[in-house]
Structure formats: C-alpha cells, structure tokens
N, C-alpha and C. Protein backbone atom coordinates (compact mmCIF):
# COMPACT_ATOMS: atom_id res chain seq x y z
N UNK A 1 -72.84 69.28 262.99
CA UNK A 1 -72.64 69.27 264.42
C UNK A 1 -72.06 67.91 264.79
N UNK A 2 -71.04 67.87 265.63
CA UNK A 2 -70.42 66.64 266.08
C UNK A 2 -70.60 66.54 267.59
N UNK A 3 -71.05 65.38 268.06
CA UNK A 3 -71.26 65.17 269.49
C UNK A 3 -70.55 63.90 269.93
N UNK A 4 -70.12 63.87 271.20
CA UNK A 4 -69.50 62.68 271.76
C UNK A 4 -70.57 61.65 272.05
N UNK A 5 -70.20 60.40 271.99
CA UNK A 5 -71.09 59.28 272.16
C UNK A 5 -70.96 58.73 273.58
N UNK A 6 -72.06 58.73 274.35
CA UNK A 6 -72.02 58.20 275.72
C UNK A 6 -71.61 56.74 275.76
N UNK A 7 -72.03 55.94 274.76
CA UNK A 7 -71.67 54.53 274.75
C UNK A 7 -70.16 54.35 274.60
N UNK A 8 -69.57 55.13 273.73
CA UNK A 8 -68.13 55.04 273.57
C UNK A 8 -67.40 55.33 274.86
N UNK A 9 -67.82 56.38 275.56
CA UNK A 9 -67.20 56.70 276.84
C UNK A 9 -67.37 55.57 277.83
N UNK A 10 -68.58 55.01 277.92
CA UNK A 10 -68.86 53.95 278.88
C UNK A 10 -68.10 52.67 278.55
N UNK A 11 -67.89 52.41 277.26
CA UNK A 11 -67.23 51.18 276.84
C UNK A 11 -65.74 51.36 276.59
N UNK A 12 -65.23 52.57 276.83
CA UNK A 12 -63.79 52.79 276.76
C UNK A 12 -63.22 53.08 275.38
N UNK A 13 -64.03 53.57 274.46
CA UNK A 13 -63.49 53.98 273.17
C UNK A 13 -64.02 55.36 272.84
N UNK A 14 -63.30 56.07 271.98
CA UNK A 14 -63.72 57.41 271.57
C UNK A 14 -64.64 57.30 270.37
N UNK A 15 -65.85 57.72 270.54
CA UNK A 15 -66.81 57.68 269.45
C UNK A 15 -67.47 59.04 269.31
N UNK A 16 -67.73 59.40 268.10
CA UNK A 16 -68.45 60.64 267.85
C UNK A 16 -69.53 60.38 266.83
N UNK A 17 -70.61 61.08 266.97
CA UNK A 17 -71.70 61.04 266.00
C UNK A 17 -71.74 62.41 265.33
N UNK A 18 -71.87 62.43 264.03
CA UNK A 18 -71.92 63.67 263.28
C UNK A 18 -73.29 63.81 262.63
N UNK A 19 -73.91 64.94 262.85
CA UNK A 19 -75.21 65.24 262.28
C UNK A 19 -75.05 66.42 261.33
N UNK A 20 -75.58 66.31 260.14
CA UNK A 20 -75.57 67.41 259.18
C UNK A 20 -77.02 67.75 258.85
N UNK A 21 -77.35 69.00 259.02
CA UNK A 21 -78.71 69.47 258.75
C UNK A 21 -78.71 70.35 257.52
N UNK A 22 -79.72 70.21 256.69
CA UNK A 22 -79.82 70.98 255.45
C UNK A 22 -81.00 71.94 255.57
N UNK A 23 -80.71 73.25 255.69
CA UNK A 23 -81.79 74.23 255.77
C UNK A 23 -82.29 74.62 254.38
N UNK A 24 -83.52 75.03 254.34
CA UNK A 24 -84.08 75.51 253.08
C UNK A 24 -85.47 76.08 253.30
N UNK A 25 -85.74 77.22 252.72
CA UNK A 25 -87.05 77.86 252.85
C UNK A 25 -87.48 78.06 254.30
N UNK A 26 -86.53 78.41 255.17
CA UNK A 26 -86.86 78.69 256.57
C UNK A 26 -87.15 77.46 257.41
N UNK A 27 -86.82 76.27 256.90
CA UNK A 27 -87.04 75.04 257.67
C UNK A 27 -85.97 74.02 257.28
N UNK A 28 -85.89 72.95 258.04
CA UNK A 28 -84.96 71.88 257.70
C UNK A 28 -85.57 71.04 256.59
N UNK A 29 -84.78 70.80 255.56
CA UNK A 29 -85.28 70.01 254.44
C UNK A 29 -84.52 68.68 254.30
N UNK A 30 -83.53 68.48 255.15
CA UNK A 30 -82.79 67.23 255.09
C UNK A 30 -81.84 67.09 256.27
N UNK A 31 -81.38 65.87 256.47
CA UNK A 31 -80.39 65.61 257.51
C UNK A 31 -79.61 64.36 257.14
N UNK A 32 -78.41 64.25 257.73
CA UNK A 32 -77.58 63.07 257.52
C UNK A 32 -76.85 62.77 258.82
N UNK A 33 -76.72 61.50 259.13
CA UNK A 33 -76.07 61.06 260.36
C UNK A 33 -74.93 60.12 260.02
N UNK A 34 -73.80 60.29 260.71
CA UNK A 34 -72.68 59.37 260.58
C UNK A 34 -72.17 59.05 261.98
N UNK A 35 -71.92 57.79 262.25
CA UNK A 35 -71.36 57.37 263.53
C UNK A 35 -70.13 56.52 263.29
N UNK A 36 -69.31 56.39 264.31
CA UNK A 36 -68.10 55.58 264.15
C UNK A 36 -67.97 54.52 265.24
N UNK A 37 -69.09 53.92 265.62
CA UNK A 37 -69.03 52.82 266.58
C UNK A 37 -68.32 51.63 265.93
N UNK A 38 -67.59 50.86 266.75
CA UNK A 38 -66.93 49.68 266.18
C UNK A 38 -67.99 48.67 265.73
N UNK A 39 -67.66 47.80 264.77
CA UNK A 39 -68.64 46.84 264.24
C UNK A 39 -69.28 45.95 265.31
N UNK A 40 -68.53 45.58 266.33
CA UNK A 40 -69.10 44.68 267.33
C UNK A 40 -70.15 45.35 268.22
N UNK A 41 -70.31 46.66 268.11
CA UNK A 41 -71.34 47.34 268.89
C UNK A 41 -72.73 46.88 268.44
N UNK A 42 -72.91 46.65 267.14
CA UNK A 42 -74.19 46.14 266.64
C UNK A 42 -74.47 44.75 267.20
N UNK A 43 -73.44 43.93 267.28
CA UNK A 43 -73.59 42.59 267.86
C UNK A 43 -73.98 42.70 269.34
N UNK A 44 -73.39 43.65 270.05
CA UNK A 44 -73.73 43.86 271.46
C UNK A 44 -75.19 44.27 271.60
N UNK A 45 -75.65 45.16 270.74
CA UNK A 45 -77.05 45.58 270.80
C UNK A 45 -77.99 44.39 270.61
N UNK A 46 -77.67 43.51 269.68
CA UNK A 46 -78.50 42.31 269.46
C UNK A 46 -78.45 41.39 270.67
N UNK A 47 -77.25 41.24 271.29
CA UNK A 47 -77.11 40.39 272.47
C UNK A 47 -77.95 40.94 273.62
N UNK A 48 -77.92 42.26 273.80
CA UNK A 48 -78.71 42.88 274.87
C UNK A 48 -80.20 42.65 274.63
N UNK A 49 -80.65 42.84 273.40
CA UNK A 49 -82.07 42.65 273.09
C UNK A 49 -82.52 41.23 273.41
N UNK A 50 -81.64 40.26 273.18
CA UNK A 50 -82.01 38.86 273.41
C UNK A 50 -81.82 38.44 274.87
N UNK A 51 -80.74 38.89 275.50
CA UNK A 51 -80.38 38.38 276.83
C UNK A 51 -80.72 39.31 277.99
N UNK A 52 -80.85 40.59 277.72
CA UNK A 52 -81.17 41.55 278.79
C UNK A 52 -82.20 42.57 278.30
N UNK A 53 -83.38 42.10 277.88
CA UNK A 53 -84.39 43.00 277.31
C UNK A 53 -84.85 44.09 278.27
N UNK A 54 -84.66 43.88 279.55
CA UNK A 54 -85.06 44.90 280.53
C UNK A 54 -84.25 46.20 280.37
N UNK A 55 -83.10 46.11 279.76
CA UNK A 55 -82.31 47.32 279.49
C UNK A 55 -82.96 48.14 278.38
N UNK A 56 -83.47 47.44 277.37
CA UNK A 56 -84.11 48.11 276.24
C UNK A 56 -85.41 48.78 276.69
N UNK A 57 -86.14 48.14 277.59
CA UNK A 57 -87.41 48.70 278.06
C UNK A 57 -87.25 49.58 279.28
N UNK A 58 -86.05 49.58 279.88
CA UNK A 58 -85.78 50.38 281.07
C UNK A 58 -84.92 51.59 280.75
N UNK A 59 -83.64 51.57 281.16
CA UNK A 59 -82.80 52.77 281.03
C UNK A 59 -82.56 53.21 279.59
N UNK A 60 -82.69 52.31 278.61
CA UNK A 60 -82.46 52.69 277.22
C UNK A 60 -83.76 52.92 276.45
N UNK A 61 -84.88 52.93 277.16
CA UNK A 61 -86.17 53.15 276.49
C UNK A 61 -86.18 54.53 275.82
N UNK A 62 -86.63 54.56 274.60
CA UNK A 62 -86.73 55.81 273.82
C UNK A 62 -85.39 56.52 273.66
N UNK A 63 -84.31 55.77 273.68
CA UNK A 63 -82.98 56.37 273.61
C UNK A 63 -82.82 57.32 272.44
N UNK A 64 -83.22 56.90 271.25
CA UNK A 64 -83.02 57.75 270.09
C UNK A 64 -84.22 58.65 269.82
N UNK A 65 -85.16 58.66 270.73
CA UNK A 65 -86.35 59.49 270.56
C UNK A 65 -86.59 60.34 271.81
N UNK A 66 -85.51 60.95 272.32
CA UNK A 66 -85.65 61.84 273.46
C UNK A 66 -85.60 61.16 274.81
N UNK A 67 -85.03 59.97 274.90
CA UNK A 67 -84.92 59.28 276.18
C UNK A 67 -84.29 60.18 277.24
N UNK A 68 -84.64 59.95 278.47
CA UNK A 68 -84.21 60.85 279.54
C UNK A 68 -83.08 60.30 280.40
N UNK A 69 -82.57 59.10 280.11
CA UNK A 69 -81.55 58.52 280.96
C UNK A 69 -80.33 58.03 280.18
N UNK A 70 -79.68 58.89 279.39
CA UNK A 70 -78.55 58.41 278.59
C UNK A 70 -77.39 57.89 279.42
N UNK A 71 -77.11 58.48 280.56
CA UNK A 71 -75.99 57.99 281.38
C UNK A 71 -76.32 56.62 281.95
N UNK A 72 -77.55 56.43 282.44
CA UNK A 72 -77.96 55.12 282.98
C UNK A 72 -77.94 54.08 281.87
N UNK A 73 -78.36 54.45 280.68
CA UNK A 73 -78.35 53.54 279.54
C UNK A 73 -76.92 53.14 279.21
N UNK A 74 -76.02 54.11 279.16
CA UNK A 74 -74.62 53.83 278.84
C UNK A 74 -74.01 52.89 279.88
N UNK A 75 -74.32 53.11 281.15
CA UNK A 75 -73.81 52.21 282.20
C UNK A 75 -74.36 50.80 282.03
N UNK A 76 -75.65 50.69 281.72
CA UNK A 76 -76.27 49.37 281.53
C UNK A 76 -75.67 48.65 280.33
N UNK A 77 -75.41 49.39 279.25
CA UNK A 77 -74.80 48.80 278.05
C UNK A 77 -73.38 48.37 278.38
N UNK A 78 -72.65 49.19 279.13
CA UNK A 78 -71.29 48.87 279.50
C UNK A 78 -71.23 47.59 280.35
N UNK A 79 -72.11 47.48 281.34
CA UNK A 79 -72.12 46.28 282.18
C UNK A 79 -72.54 45.07 281.35
N UNK A 80 -73.42 45.25 280.39
CA UNK A 80 -73.83 44.16 279.51
C UNK A 80 -72.67 43.71 278.64
N UNK A 81 -71.87 44.65 278.18
CA UNK A 81 -70.72 44.30 277.36
C UNK A 81 -69.75 43.41 278.15
N UNK A 82 -69.54 43.76 279.41
CA UNK A 82 -68.66 42.95 280.25
C UNK A 82 -69.24 41.54 280.43
N UNK A 83 -70.55 41.45 280.65
CA UNK A 83 -71.21 40.16 280.83
C UNK A 83 -71.16 39.35 279.54
N UNK A 84 -71.42 39.98 278.40
CA UNK A 84 -71.39 39.28 277.11
C UNK A 84 -69.99 38.75 276.83
N UNK A 85 -68.98 39.54 277.15
CA UNK A 85 -67.58 39.11 276.94
C UNK A 85 -67.27 37.92 277.82
N UNK A 86 -67.73 37.96 279.06
CA UNK A 86 -67.50 36.89 280.02
C UNK A 86 -68.15 35.58 279.56
N UNK A 87 -69.36 35.69 279.00
CA UNK A 87 -70.10 34.50 278.57
C UNK A 87 -69.67 34.00 277.20
N UNK A 88 -68.90 34.84 276.50
CA UNK A 88 -68.37 34.43 275.20
C UNK A 88 -69.38 34.57 274.16
C-alpha cells in the first residue's frame, strides 16, 4: 500500500510512504515500511524536538501511533521548517 505523506505536502515536496504487509495463517506475520523523505527532514525533526518541543507534545503527539491531528502537525512542522531556515 502506498500513501501520500502530509509532511511532504506541507513542506512542498512529493513524498510517499510504502507499507508492505505479509499475511500468513489468517493474520499478519510481517510488515515493511519505506519512505522517501529528503535527508534534511531528520535534521528538522531534531531541531523541532530541541527548539519547539510543544509541537511534539501538542499537534504531533502520538503521530505514528494513531495521532488525531495530522494536518495540524504538518502545518506546525512546515512553519517550523521556515523558522529553522530563517535562523540558519
């Protein structure tokens, strides 16, 4: 299954995440994930954790574990990217 990435849309690049599920014996027995975020996205995540922790505990809370505000999280990450770029 391939899905579009909200962060890519918010930050102006096309990103997709691909999930592969392995069925067996009537249940899932494995999975694999591949993403194509640019390398500097990891740096941005670290910058946000250090400089804007309220984003991690607010709109991006539980993002990869069923979080309920992906659009708000993407907007917060996007605004943080602009701020991080401005501050160098």
